[in-house]
Amino acid sequence: MALKDKLESIVKLSLAKKIILLVAVNFVIAVGIYWFFTGPKKIEVKSLRGDMQRLSAKLEENRRVASDLPRYLKEKKEMEKRLADAVARLPNEKEIPDLIDAISNAAKKSGLKIVLFRPAREVNKGFYADLPINMSVEGRFESLFDFSAKVGNLPRIVNLTSMDIVSRGHKNRVPDLKADFVATTFRFIPGALAVTEKK
C-alpha cells in the first residue's frame, strides 16, 4: 500500500520535479553501471594494453633476433671450426714425448745450452691440460730469438712465459745471456669436451 501511495505522489508531481527525479534516477543507474561494470573493465583494459605493449616489444625483439639467426648460425659454425682447429693443435697423450723432444731440439739447434729442462705436473683445465716445462738456457740473444721463432713454428701450441733474462757477461764482445722460463704446451683430454658442451 505504501508503494502505491508513493507512485501516486510521484504522478502528482509537477513536470519540472518529474524531470529532476528522472535525471536523478538515471544518474544513480549510470553511476551503478560504471562502478560495477564499466570501471573494472576499464582497469582490465588498461592492464591488458600494458601487457600487449610488453608482448609487442618482445615480439619485435624476437623478430630482430630471428632475422639475425642466419648470421648467428654462421658465427656458431665459424666458432666450432676454430675450436676444432684449436683442439687439433693440442697434442694427445702419445704425442707429448715427441713435442718435448721438439722443444729440446729447437733449443739445441738454435745454439742454446740447456741448463735445466724439467717437465712439471700437468694442470687440468677442463677439456685440455697445461703441461709446463721449466727451462733454463744459456747463449746469445740471437740464439734465444731463433729458439722462440722455432717454438712458434711448431705444429702444436707452445707458450713461453715467465721469461727472466739476465746477462752473464760477454764472450768476444757478444753478450752471453741466461734465460729462465716456462714452456707450456697443452694436451687435449678426450671425452672432456663433450661433457663441457652438455653443461
Foldseek 3Di string as FASTA:
>chain_A
DVVVVVVVVLVPDDPVVVVVVVVVVVVVVVVVCCVPPVVVVVVVVVVVVVVVVVVVVVVVVVVVVVVCVVVVVVVVVVVVVVVVLQQVQAAAPVCVVVLLVQLVVLLVVLPKAWPAWAWDDWADDFQKIKTKIKTKIKAAPSSVVSSVVSQVPDSHDKDKDPKDKDWPQDDVNTTMIMIITIIIGMHGHPPRVVVVVVD
